Amino acid sequence: MSESPDPRLPSARRAPTIPYASYLRVYEPLAAFAEPERAHWADYARRGHTPTAQDELRRSLADLVRVPLVGVPAHESADAFTAEWDGVLLVCPWRTRLRGWLALQELVADFPRPVLDAALPPGVRRRAAEEYDAWRERNPDARPWIRTAVWQVPLRWFVLVADEEREYVPGEVLRYRTPMVQARRRLARGLRTLREAEGYGALADGLVEVGSWLEEFHPRSMVELDYGGLVHGLPAAGLERDRSAAELAAGIAALRAGDTEGAVETYVILADRWRAVRERLFAN
């Protein structure tokens, strides 16, 4: 398998790394795109160099320090991540504008109004909401290829991957890549087990939502769980030992076998570990 420059590797410009975002991405084959977008991505891939995930995040943050403030980009990004998987070119469009609108909705739900008003004034949020409503009427079936989490990797993401798919290069990348068919199969099996058990409703609901998202993509797609900037923000020794996908799979297997106590112990350890990481979101 060969691929274009890795979206997780540091930019050649040596700009400061941004340590807090992780990603769940779907890469689709060119056949999944209608013309003229298919031709655009084919030409884009032939250039031989694409921006990195850090580049994408820096561009988004740059908008937040402009005057006047730019809450959501005025135009959609024409960039993407690319990979070659089993001889097939796969593309993961950034869709930065769409993801900006969706992220803004999450901010409104998650942050106190005074904090939100200080970061993004009401007028900026109102204009963004109006623009999104108008855009959504014209694009009712649009969905992002990339999901982002801040100072965490959501536990439900680990259900999609297996420990043998783990790739770790200290200081550079920690990721899992798996065929879409495998991700869907693992999700369906895990969801059945969680629905039959008590106390796992939140995790099951999260899997339902992720499963609905995955169903929107081509069956020959590739799913990537990427620790992203967390590789630069968390201790290397902890990342070296991290086997969250294997541990969650073991917990679900314990539930399936009727070992409720073993499943609870595994889940609590995982939840506590990632809660400690997520608490950095609220640190000064």
Foldseek 3Di string as FASTA:
>chain_A
DWFAPELQFDDPVPDDADFWKWKKFKWAFLVQDDPPLSVLVVVVRVVRHFHHPRVVVVVQVVQQPDVVHQQADPDFDSGWGWTQDPNTITTFGQRRRVVSLVVLVVCVVPDDPVVCCVRANPVNNVVSVVVVVVVCVVVVPDDHRMDMDTLFQDLLVLLQFAQVQWDDDQPTWTKGKDQLVSSLVSLVVLLVLQVVDPDCVVSNVVSVVVNVVSVSGDNRMMIMTISRSNSVVDDRVVVVPDPSSHLQVVLSVCSVVVNPVSNVVSVVVSVVVSVVRVCVVVDD
